[in-house]
């Protein structure tokens, strides 16, 4: 299965193949972790971003456009998730300071 391209694996994921999802996770988990860790800078936030990214990949599998690069799609999700969590964390800090 690892010989398949990311895009082929994602097509299999779209058809319900969990082994293909696991293969994508195994292939990209290190680079996604490094990416969200750099963006978030706080380990707990990075852990949440990492988990949410992979959950969103699975939940949004039907929105993956055939012919698109999986890695670009994956890292867009990771970046947006990390930014959202950082904003949410900043709002929590502001609220605590106001009280």
PDB file of N, CA and C in Angstrom:
ATOM      1  N   UNK A   1       0.817  -1.207   0.000  1.00  0.00           N
ATOM      2  CA  UNK A   1       0.000   0.000   0.000  1.00  0.00           C
ATOM      3  C   UNK A   1       0.854   1.262   0.000  1.00  0.00           C
ATOM      4  N   UNK A   2       2.035   1.215   0.610  1.00  0.00           N
ATOM      5  CA  UNK A   2       2.865   2.402   0.705  1.00  0.00           C
ATOM      6  C   UNK A   2       3.426   2.841  -0.642  1.00  0.00           C
ATOM      7  N   UNK A   3       3.335   1.999  -1.670  1.00  0.00           N
ATOM      8  CA  UNK A   3       3.812   2.384  -2.982  1.00  0.00           C
ATOM      9  C   UNK A   3       2.852   3.370  -3.658  1.00  0.00           C
ATOM     10  N   UNK A   4       1.627   3.416  -3.174  1.00  0.00           N
ATOM     11  CA  UNK A   4       0.623   4.292  -3.770  1.00  0.00           C
ATOM     12  C   UNK A   4       0.949   5.754  -3.473  1.00  0.00           C
ATOM     13  N   UNK A   5       0.533   6.629  -4.373  1.00  0.00           N
ATOM     14  CA  UNK A   5       0.703   8.047  -4.124  1.00  0.00           C
ATOM     15  C   UNK A   5      -0.266   8.485  -3.036  1.00  0.00           C
ATOM     16  N   UNK A   6       0.008   9.637  -2.456  1.00  0.00           N
ATOM     17  CA  UNK A   6      -0.903  10.194  -1.461  1.00  0.00           C
ATOM     18  C   UNK A   6      -2.297  10.370  -2.043  1.00  0.00           C
ATOM     19  N   UNK A   7      -2.343  10.819  -3.270  1.00  0.00           N
ATOM     20  CA  UNK A   7      -3.633  11.079  -3.907  1.00  0.00           C
ATOM     21  C   UNK A   7      -4.415   9.777  -4.118  1.00  0.00           C
ATOM     22  N   UNK A   8      -3.719   8.711  -4.509  1.00  0.00           N
ATOM     23  CA  UNK A   8      -4.378   7.410  -4.658  1.00  0.00           C
ATOM     24  C   UNK A   8      -4.880   6.895  -3.313  1.00  0.00           C
ATOM     25  N   UNK A   9      -4.057   7.071  -2.281  1.00  0.00           N
ATOM     26  CA  UNK A   9      -4.485   6.668  -0.943  1.00  0.00           C
ATOM     27  C   UNK A   9      -5.712   7.459  -0.514  1.00  0.00           C
ATOM     28  N   UNK A  10      -5.724   8.759  -0.816  1.00  0.00           N
ATOM     29  CA  UNK A  10      -6.862   9.590  -0.420  1.00  0.00           C
ATOM     30  C   UNK A  10      -8.127   9.160  -1.155  1.00  0.00           C
ATOM     31  N   UNK A  11      -8.002   8.767  -2.395  1.00  0.00           N
ATOM     32  CA  UNK A  11      -9.170   8.245  -3.126  1.00  0.00           C
ATOM     33  C   UNK A  11      -9.702   6.987  -2.441  1.00  0.00           C
ATOM     34  N   UNK A  12      -8.795   6.160  -1.955  1.00  0.00           N
ATOM     35  CA  UNK A  12      -9.218   4.965  -1.228  1.00  0.00           C
ATOM     36  C   UNK A  12      -9.898   5.349   0.084  1.00  0.00           C
ATOM     37  N   UNK A  13      -9.369   6.358   0.765  1.00  0.00           N
ATOM     38  CA  UNK A  13      -9.990   6.848   2.006  1.00  0.00           C
ATOM     39  C   UNK A  13     -11.397   7.326   1.709  1.00  0.00           C
ATOM     40  N   UNK A  14     -11.569   8.030   0.609  1.00  0.00           N
ATOM     41  CA  UNK A  14     -12.878   8.550   0.227  1.00  0.00           C
ATOM     42  C   UNK A  14     -13.880   7.410  -0.009  1.00  0.00           C
ATOM     43  N   UNK A  15     -13.358   6.245  -0.351  1.00  0.00           N
ATOM     44  CA  UNK A  15     -14.203   5.069  -0.575  1.00  0.00           C
ATOM     45  C   UNK A  15     -14.305   4.189   0.659  1.00  0.00           C
ATOM     46  N   UNK A  16     -13.871   4.715   1.816  1.00  0.00           N
ATOM     47  CA  UNK A  16     -14.056   4.002   3.072  1.00  0.00           C
ATOM     48  C   UNK A  16     -12.900   3.123   3.522  1.00  0.00           C
ATOM     49  N   UNK A  17     -11.753   3.222   2.897  1.00  0.00           N
ATOM     50  CA  UNK A  17     -10.610   2.373   3.232  1.00  0.00           C
ATOM     51  C   UNK A  17      -9.816   2.985   4.397  1.00  0.00           C
ATOM     52  N   UNK A  18     -10.009   2.432   5.592  1.00  0.00           N
ATOM     53  CA  UNK A  18      -9.315   2.944   6.790  1.00  0.00           C
ATOM     54  C   UNK A  18      -7.821   2.627   6.764  1.00  0.00           C
ATOM     55  N   UNK A  19      -7.443   1.538   6.120  1.00  0.00           N
ATOM     56  CA  UNK A  19      -6.016   1.206   6.015  1.00  0.00           C
ATOM     57  C   UNK A  19      -5.284   2.281   5.211  1.00  0.00           C
ATOM     58  N   UNK A  20      -5.945   2.831   4.210  1.00  0.00           N
ATOM     59  CA  UNK A  20      -5.346   3.906   3.419  1.00  0.00           C
ATOM     60  C   UNK A  20      -5.185   5.165   4.271  1.00  0.00           C
ATOM     61  N   UNK A  21      -6.178   5.443   5.115  1.00  0.00           N
ATOM     62  CA  UNK A  21      -6.084   6.579   6.034  1.00  0.00           C
ATOM     63  C   UNK A  21      -4.898   6.383   6.976  1.00  0.00           C
ATOM     64  N   UNK A  22      -4.758   5.178   7.518  1.00  0.00           N
ATOM     65  CA  UNK A  22      -3.636   4.886   8.405  1.00  0.00           C
ATOM     66  C   UNK A  22      -2.298   5.044   7.691  1.00  0.00           C
ATOM     67  N   UNK A  23      -2.251   4.654   6.419  1.00  0.00           N
ATOM     68  CA  UNK A  23      -1.023   4.798   5.638  1.00  0.00           C
ATOM     69  C   UNK A  23      -0.674   6.275   5.457  1.00  0.00           C
ATOM     70  N   UNK A  24      -1.681   7.108   5.177  1.00  0.00           N
ATOM     71  CA  UNK A  24      -1.433   8.545   5.049  1.00  0.00           C
ATOM     72  C   UNK A  24      -0.963   9.126   6.378  1.00  0.00           C
ATOM     73  N   UNK A  25      -1.614   8.720   7.461  1.00  0.00           N
ATOM     74  CA  UNK A  25      -1.213   9.183   8.780  1.00  0.00           C
ATOM     75  C   UNK A  25       0.243   8.806   9.060  1.00  0.00           C
ATOM     76  N   UNK A  26       0.587   7.544   8.845  1.00  0.00           N
ATOM     77  CA  UNK A  26       1.959   7.077   9.088  1.00  0.00           C
ATOM     78  C   UNK A  26       2.967   7.850   8.240  1.00  0.00           C
ATOM     79  N   UNK A  27       2.589   8.122   7.016  1.00  0.00           N
ATOM     80  CA  UNK A  27       3.485   8.800   6.077  1.00  0.00           C
ATOM     81  C   UNK A  27       3.716  10.264   6.463  1.00  0.00           C
ATOM     82  N   UNK A  28       2.701  10.934   7.001  1.00  0.00           N
ATOM     83  CA  UNK A  28       2.784  12.391   7.197  1.00  0.00           C
ATOM     84  C   UNK A  28       2.761  12.858   8.651  1.00  0.00           C
ATOM     85  N   UNK A  29       2.625  11.938   9.601  1.00  0.00           N
ATOM     86  CA  UNK A  29       2.460  12.378  10.984  1.00  0.00           C
ATOM     87  C   UNK A  29       3.647  13.192  11.484  1.00  0.00           C
ATOM     88  N   UNK A  30       4.848  12.816  11.146  1.00  0.00           N
ATOM     89  CA  UNK A  30       6.033  13.542  11.614  1.00  0.00           C
ATOM     90  C   UNK A  30       6.095  14.952  11.074  1.00  0.00           C
ATOM     91  N   UNK A  31       5.836  15.115   9.801  1.00  0.00           N
ATOM     92  CA  UNK A  31       5.920  16.452   9.204  1.00  0.00           C
ATOM     93  C   UNK A  31       4.763  17.341   9.660  1.00  0.00           C
ATOM     94  N   UNK A  32       3.579  16.755   9.860  1.00  0.00           N
ATOM     95  CA  UNK A  32       2.448  17.545  10.357  1.00  0.00           C
ATOM     96  C   UNK A  32       2.728  17.979  11.797  1.00  0.00           C
ATOM     97  N   UNK A  33       3.249  17.058  12.606  1.00  0.00           N
ATOM     98  CA  UNK A  33       3.569  17.409  13.997  1.00  0.00           C
ATOM     99  C   UNK A  33       4.588  18.563  14.037  1.00  0.00           C
ATOM    100  N   UNK A  34       5.639  18.461  13.266  1.00  0.00           N
ATOM    101  CA  UNK A  34       6.655  19.527  13.239  1.00  0.00           C
ATOM    102  C   UNK A  34       6.048  20.854  12.813  1.00  0.00           C
ATOM    103  N   UNK A  35       5.198  20.809  11.823  1.00  0.00           N
ATOM    104  CA  UNK A  35       4.561  22.009  11.294  1.00  0.00           C
ATOM    105  C   UNK A  35       3.671  22.683  12.337  1.00  0.00           C
ATOM    106  N   UNK A  36       2.773  21.916  12.952  1.00  0.00           N
ATOM    107  CA  UNK A  36       1.863  22.527  13.927  1.00  0.00           C
ATOM    108  C   UNK A  36       2.625  22.952  15.177  1.00  0.00           C
ATOM    109  N   UNK A  37       3.674  22.252  15.528  1.00  0.00           N
ATOM    110  CA  UNK A  37       4.484  22.629  16.695  1.00  0.00           C
ATOM    111  C   UNK A  37       5.136  23.987  16.459  1.00  0.00           C
ATOM    112  N   UNK A  38       5.647  24.217  15.253  1.00  0.00           N
ATOM    113  CA  UNK A  38       6.254  25.521  14.922  1.00  0.00           C
ATOM    114  C   UNK A  38       5.202  26.627  14.921  1.00  0.00           C
ATOM    115  N   UNK A  39       4.021  26.332  14.395  1.00  0.00           N
ATOM    116  CA  UNK A  39       2.975  27.351  14.337  1.00  0.00           C
ATOM    117  C   UNK A  39       2.406  27.684  15.718  1.00  0.00           C
ATOM    118  N   UNK A  40       2.187  26.677  16.516  1.00  0.00           N
ATOM    119  CA  UNK A  40       1.507  26.874  17.802  1.00  0.00           C
ATOM    120  C   UNK A  40       2.451  27.322  18.916  1.00  0.00           C
ATOM    121  N   UNK A  41       3.652  26.826  18.907  1.00  0.00           N
ATOM    122  CA  UNK A  41       4.680  27.150  19.898  1.00  0.00           C
ATOM    123  C   UNK A  41       4.395  26.648  21.309  1.00  0.00           C
ATOM    124  N   UNK A  42       3.174  26.325  21.622  1.00  0.00           N
ATOM    125  CA  UNK A  42       2.808  25.761  22.930  1.00  0.00           C
ATOM    126  C   UNK A  42       2.452  24.304  22.681  1.00  0.00           C
ATOM    127  N   UNK A  43       3.122  23.416  23.408  1.00  0.00           N
ATOM    128  CA  UNK A  43       2.965  21.990  23.122  1.00  0.00           C
ATOM    129  C   UNK A  43       1.523  21.507  23.244  1.00  0.00           C
ATOM    130  N   UNK A  44       0.813  21.938  24.265  1.00  0.00           N
ATOM    131  CA  UNK A  44      -0.572  21.486  24.437  1.00  0.00           C
ATOM    132  C   UNK A  44      -1.443  21.936  23.263  1.00  0.00           C
ATOM    133  N   UNK A  45      -1.239  23.149  22.802  1.00  0.00           N
ATOM    134  CA  UNK A  45      -1.996  23.657  21.646  1.00  0.00           C
ATOM    135  C   UNK A  45      -1.608  22.882  20.392  1.00  0.00           C
ATOM    136  N   UNK A  46      -0.322  22.595  20.249  1.00  0.00           N
ATOM    137  CA  UNK A  46       0.146  21.827  19.088  1.00  0.00           C
ATOM    138  C   UNK A  46      -0.446  20.417  19.092  1.00  0.00           C
ATOM    139  N   UNK A  47      -0.523  19.804  20.259  1.00  0.00           N
ATOM    140  CA  UNK A  47      -1.121  18.463  20.344  1.00  0.00           C
ATOM    141  C   UNK A  47      -2.583  18.496  19.919  1.00  0.00           C
ATOM    142  N   UNK A  48      -3.294  19.512  20.378  1.00  0.00           N
ATOM    143  CA  UNK A  48      -4.695  19.640  19.989  1.00  0.00           C
ATOM    144  C   UNK A  48      -4.826  19.890  18.491  1.00  0.00           C
ATOM    145  N   UNK A  49      -3.975  20.749  17.950  1.00  0.00           N
ATOM    146  CA  UNK A  49      -4.007  21.044  16.511  1.00  0.00           C
ATOM    147  C   UNK A  49      -3.695  19.797  15.691  1.00  0.00           C
ATOM    148  N   UNK A  50      -2.733  19.020  16.147  1.00  0.00           N
ATOM    149  CA  UNK A  50      -2.351  17.795  15.453  1.00  0.00           C
ATOM    150  C   UNK A  50      -3.535  16.825  15.388  1.00  0.00           C
ATOM    151  N   UNK A  51      -4.167  16.606  16.537  1.00  0.00           N
ATOM    152  CA  UNK A  51      -5.303  15.689  16.586  1.00  0.00           C
ATOM    153  C   UNK A  51      -6.478  16.198  15.766  1.00  0.00           C
ATOM    154  N   UNK A  52      -6.777  17.477  15.902  1.00  0.00           N
ATOM    155  CA  UNK A  52      -7.898  18.047  15.139  1.00  0.00           C
ATOM    156  C   UNK A  52      -7.639  18.009  13.644  1.00  0.00           C
ATOM    157  N   UNK A  53      -6.385  18.218  13.252  1.00  0.00           N
ATOM    158  CA  UNK A  53      -6.047  18.168  11.823  1.00  0.00           C
ATOM    159  C   UNK A  53      -6.406  16.812  11.241  1.00  0.00           C
ATOM    160  N   UNK A  54      -5.983  15.749  11.897  1.00  0.00           N
ATOM    161  CA  UNK A  54      -6.249  14.405  11.362  1.00  0.00           C
ATOM    162  C   UNK A  54      -7.724  14.048  11.435  1.00  0.00           C
ATOM    163  N   UNK A  55      -8.408  14.552  12.447  1.00  0.00           N
ATOM    164  CA  UNK A  55      -9.852  14.335  12.518  1.00  0.00           C
ATOM    165  C   UNK A  55     -10.547  15.059  11.362  1.00  0.00           C
ATOM    166  N   UNK A  56     -10.125  16.284  11.096  1.00  0.00           N
ATOM    167  CA  UNK A  56     -10.719  17.054   9.989  1.00  0.00           C
ATOM    168  C   UNK A  56     -10.420  16.415   8.636  1.00  0.00           C
ATOM    169  N   UNK A  57      -9.228  15.870   8.484  1.00  0.00           N
ATOM    170  CA  UNK A  57      -8.898  15.179   7.228  1.00  0.00           C
ATOM    171  C   UNK A  57      -9.894  14.041   6.996  1.00  0.00           C
ATOM    172  N   UNK A  58     -10.156  13.283   8.040  1.00  0.00           N
ATOM    173  CA  UNK A  58     -11.095  12.165   7.887  1.00  0.00           C
ATOM    174  C   UNK A  58     -12.509  12.665   7.629  1.00  0.00           C
ATOM    175  N   UNK A  59     -12.946  13.639   8.428  1.00  0.00           N
ATOM    176  CA  UNK A  59     -14.314  14.135   8.271  1.00  0.00           C
ATOM    177  C   UNK A  59     -14.543  14.844   6.945  1.00  0.00           C
ATOM    178  N   UNK A  60     -13.509  15.500   6.416  1.00  0.00           N
ATOM    179  CA  UNK A  60     -13.645  16.275   5.181  1.00  0.00           C
ATOM    180  C   UNK A  60     -13.187  15.496   3.953  1.00  0.00           C
ATOM    181  N   UNK A  61     -13.014  14.200   4.101  1.00  0.00           N
ATOM    182  CA  UNK A  61     -12.487  13.391   2.991  1.00  0.00           C
ATOM    183  C   UNK A  61     -13.299  13.546   1.714  1.00  0.00           C
ATOM    184  N   UNK A  62     -14.577  13.748   1.831  1.00  0.00           N
ATOM    185  CA  UNK A  62     -15.428  13.878   0.635  1.00  0.00           C
ATOM    186  C   UNK A  62     -15.180  15.186  -0.100  1.00  0.00           C
ATOM    187  N   UNK A  63     -14.544  16.148   0.569  1.00  0.00           N
ATOM    188  CA  UNK A  63     -14.293  17.445  -0.076  1.00  0.00           C
ATOM    189  C   UNK A  63     -12.956  17.488  -0.812  1.00  0.00           C
ATOM    190  N   UNK A  64     -12.161  16.436  -0.662  1.00  0.00           N
ATOM    191  CA  UNK A  64     -10.872  16.400  -1.361  1.00  0.00           C
ATOM    192  C   UNK A  64     -11.121  16.366  -2.858  1.00  0.00           C
ATOM    193  N   UNK A  65     -10.477  17.266  -3.564  1.00  0.00           N
ATOM    194  CA  UNK A  65     -10.681  17.358  -5.017  1.00  0.00           C
ATOM    195  C   UNK A  65      -9.727  16.407  -5.740  1.00  0.00           C
ATOM    196  N   UNK A  66     -10.312  15.522  -6.523  1.00  0.00           N
ATOM    197  CA  UNK A  66      -9.518  14.598  -7.320  1.00  0.00           C
ATOM    198  C   UNK A  66      -8.624  15.425  -8.240  1.00  0.00           C
ATOM    199  N   UNK A  67      -7.356  15.089  -8.254  1.00  0.00           N
ATOM    200  CA  UNK A  67      -6.388  15.829  -9.057  1.00  0.00           C
ATOM    201  C   UNK A  67      -5.597  16.843  -8.243  1.00  0.00           C
ATOM    202  N   UNK A  68      -6.056  17.147  -7.035  1.00  0.00           N
ATOM    203  CA  UNK A  68      -5.335  18.079  -6.167  1.00  0.00           C
ATOM    204  C   UNK A  68      -4.207  17.337  -5.466  1.00  0.00           C
ATOM    205  N   UNK A  69      -3.253  18.087  -4.954  1.00  0.00           N
ATOM    206  CA  UNK A  69      -2.163  17.501  -4.181  1.00  0.00           C
ATOM    207  C   UNK A  69      -2.624  17.292  -2.748  1.00  0.00           C
ATOM    208  N   UNK A  70      -2.547  16.076  -2.269  1.00  0.00           N
ATOM    209  CA  UNK A  70      -2.973  15.768  -0.910  1.00  0.00           C
ATOM    210  C   UNK A  70      -2.166  16.559   0.109  1.00  0.00           C
ATOM    211  N   UNK A  71      -0.867  16.615  -0.076  1.00  0.00           N
ATOM    212  CA  UNK A  71      -0.007  17.291   0.904  1.00  0.00           C
ATOM    213  C   UNK A  71      -0.393  18.766   1.062  1.00  0.00           C
ATOM    214  N   UNK A  72      -0.701  19.440  -0.008  1.00  0.00           N
ATOM    215  CA  UNK A  72      -1.131  20.843   0.067  1.00  0.00           C
ATOM    216  C   UNK A  72      -2.444  20.956   0.838  1.00  0.00           C
ATOM    217  N   UNK A  73      -3.372  20.077   0.545  1.00  0.00           N
ATOM    218  CA  UNK A  73      -4.671  20.063   1.223  1.00  0.00           C
ATOM    219  C   UNK A  73      -4.480  19.794   2.711  1.00  0.00           C
ATOM    220  N   UNK A  74      -3.659  18.802   3.041  1.00  0.00           N
ATOM    221  CA  UNK A  74      -3.381  18.434   4.427  1.00  0.00           C
ATOM    222  C   UNK A  74      -2.776  19.603   5.199  1.00  0.00           C
ATOM    223  N   UNK A  75      -1.772  20.250   4.625  1.00  0.00           N
ATOM    224  CA  UNK A  75      -1.096  21.327   5.345  1.00  0.00           C
ATOM    225  C   UNK A  75      -1.937  22.601   5.411  1.00  0.00           C
ATOM    226  N   UNK A  76      -2.858  22.769   4.481  1.00  0.00           N
ATOM    227  CA  UNK A  76      -3.814  23.874   4.599  1.00  0.00           C
ATOM    228  C   UNK A  76      -4.722  23.639   5.801  1.00  0.00           C
ATOM    229  N   UNK A  77      -5.198  22.413   5.949  1.00  0.00           N
ATOM    230  CA  UNK A  77      -6.022  22.070   7.108  1.00  0.00           C
ATOM    231  C   UNK A  77      -5.225  22.267   8.394  1.00  0.00           C
ATOM    232  N   UNK A  78      -3.987  21.804   8.418  1.00  0.00           N
ATOM    233  CA  UNK A  78      -3.143  21.933   9.610  1.00  0.00           C
ATOM    234  C   UNK A  78      -2.894  23.402   9.956  1.00  0.00           C
ATOM    235  N   UNK A  79      -2.617  24.225   8.960  1.00  0.00           N
ATOM    236  CA  UNK A  79      -2.364  25.645   9.209  1.00  0.00           C
ATOM    237  C   UNK A  79      -3.616  26.339   9.731  1.00  0.00           C
ATOM    238  N   UNK A  80      -4.740  26.105   9.091  1.00  0.00           N
ATOM    239  CA  UNK A  80      -5.989  26.743   9.527  1.00  0.00           C
ATOM    240  C   UNK A  80      -6.390  26.292  10.931  1.00  0.00           C
ATOM    241  N   UNK A  81      -6.223  25.013  11.207  1.00  0.00           N
ATOM    242  CA  UNK A  81      -6.554  24.486  12.529  1.00  0.00           C
ATOM    243  C   UNK A  81      -5.650  25.106  13.590  1.00  0.00           C
ATOM    244  N   UNK A  82      -4.372  25.185  13.309  1.00  0.00           N
ATOM    245  CA  UNK A  82      -3.418  25.776  14.259  1.00  0.00           C
ATOM    246  C   UNK A  82      -3.740  27.240  14.522  1.00  0.00           C
ATOM    247  N   UNK A  83      -4.026  27.983  13.474  1.00  0.00           N
ATOM    248  CA  UNK A  83      -4.358  29.402  13.641  1.00  0.00           C
ATOM    249  C   UNK A  83      -5.647  29.579  14.441  1.00  0.00           C
ATOM    250  N   UNK A  84      -6.644  28.760  14.155  1.00  0.00           N
ATOM    251  CA  UNK A  84      -7.906  28.843  14.901  1.00  0.00           C
ATOM    252  C   UNK A  84      -7.691  28.574  16.384  1.00  0.00           C
ATOM    253  N   UNK A  85      -6.906  27.567  16.688  1.00  0.00           N
ATOM    254  CA  UNK A  85      -6.653  27.237  18.093  1.00  0.00           C
ATOM    255  C   UNK A  85      -5.844  28.325  18.786  1.00  0.00           C
ATOM    256  N   UNK A  86      -4.893  28.910  18.081  1.00  0.00           N
ATOM    257  CA  UNK A  86      -4.122  30.014  18.669  1.00  0.00           C
ATOM    258  C   UNK A  86      -5.024  31.204  18.960  1.00  0.00           C
ATOM    259  N   UNK A  87      -5.938  31.520  18.043  1.00  0.00           N
ATOM    260  CA  UNK A  87      -6.883  32.629  18.262  1.00  0.00           C
ATOM    261  C   UNK A  87      -7.794  32.334  19.446  1.00  0.00           C
ATOM    262  N   UNK A  88      -8.280  31.105  19.511  1.00  0.00           N
ATOM    263  CA  UNK A  88      -9.151  30.713  20.613  1.00  0.00           C
ATOM    264  C   UNK A  88      -8.403  30.840  21.947  1.00  0.00           C
ATOM    265  N   UNK A  89      -7.158  30.405  21.966  1.00  0.00           N
ATOM    266  CA  UNK A  89      -6.348  30.500  23.177  1.00  0.00           C
ATOM    267  C   UNK A  89      -6.099  31.959  23.558  1.00  0.00           C
ATOM    268  N   UNK A  90      -5.866  32.803  22.585  1.00  0.00           N
ATOM    269  CA  UNK A  90      -5.652  34.231  22.862  1.00  0.00           C
ATOM    270  C   UNK A  90      -6.911  34.857  23.450  1.00  0.00           C
ATOM    271  N   UNK A  91      -8.085  34.465  22.948  1.00  0.00           N
ATOM    272  CA  UNK A  91      -9.343  34.985  23.497  1.00  0.00           C
ATOM    273  C   UNK A  91      -9.541  34.531  24.940  1.00  0.00           C
ATOM    274  N   UNK A  92      -9.173  33.285  25.233  1.00  0.00           N
ATOM    275  CA  UNK A  92      -9.278  32.789  26.609  1.00  0.00           C
ATOM    276  C   UNK A  92      -8.397  33.609  27.549  1.00  0.00           C
ATOM    277  N   UNK A  93      -7.204  33.902  27.110  1.00  0.00           N
ATOM    278  CA  UNK A  93      -6.273  34.680  27.933  1.00  0.00           C
ATOM    279  C   UNK A  93      -6.818  36.081  28.154  1.00  0.00           C
ATOM    280  N   UNK A  94      -7.357  36.709  27.102  1.00  0.00           N
ATOM    281  CA  UNK A  94      -7.937  38.056  27.241  1.00  0.00           C
ATOM    282  C   UNK A  94      -9.100  38.031  28.211  1.00  0.00           C
ATOM    283  N   UNK A  95      -9.931  37.025  28.138  1.00  0.00           N
ATOM    284  CA  UNK A  95     -11.099  36.928  29.024  1.00  0.00           C
ATOM    285  C   UNK A  95     -10.640  36.780  30.474  1.00  0.00           C
ATOM    286  N   UNK A  96      -9.650  35.973  30.714  1.00  0.00           N
ATOM    287  CA  UNK A  96      -9.147  35.778  32.072  1.00  0.00           C
ATOM    288  C   UNK A  96      -8.550  37.087  32.605  1.00  0.00           C
ATOM    289  N   UNK A  97      -7.840  37.813  31.763  1.00  0.00           N
ATOM    290  CA  UNK A  97      -7.240  39.073  32.198  1.00  0.00           C
ATOM    291  C   UNK A  97      -8.289  40.123  32.512  1.00  0.00           C
ATOM    292  N   UNK A  98      -9.423  40.085  31.817  1.00  0.00           N
ATOM    293  CA  UNK A  98     -10.477  41.072  32.036  1.00  0.00           C
ATOM    294  C   UNK A  98     -11.225  40.824  33.342  1.00  0.00           C
ATOM    295  N   UNK A  99     -11.256  39.610  33.780  1.00  0.00           N
ATOM    296  CA  UNK A  99     -12.017  39.254  34.977  1.00  0.00           C
ATOM    297  C   UNK A  99     -11.308  39.654  36.213  1.00  0.00           C
TER     298      UNK A  99
END
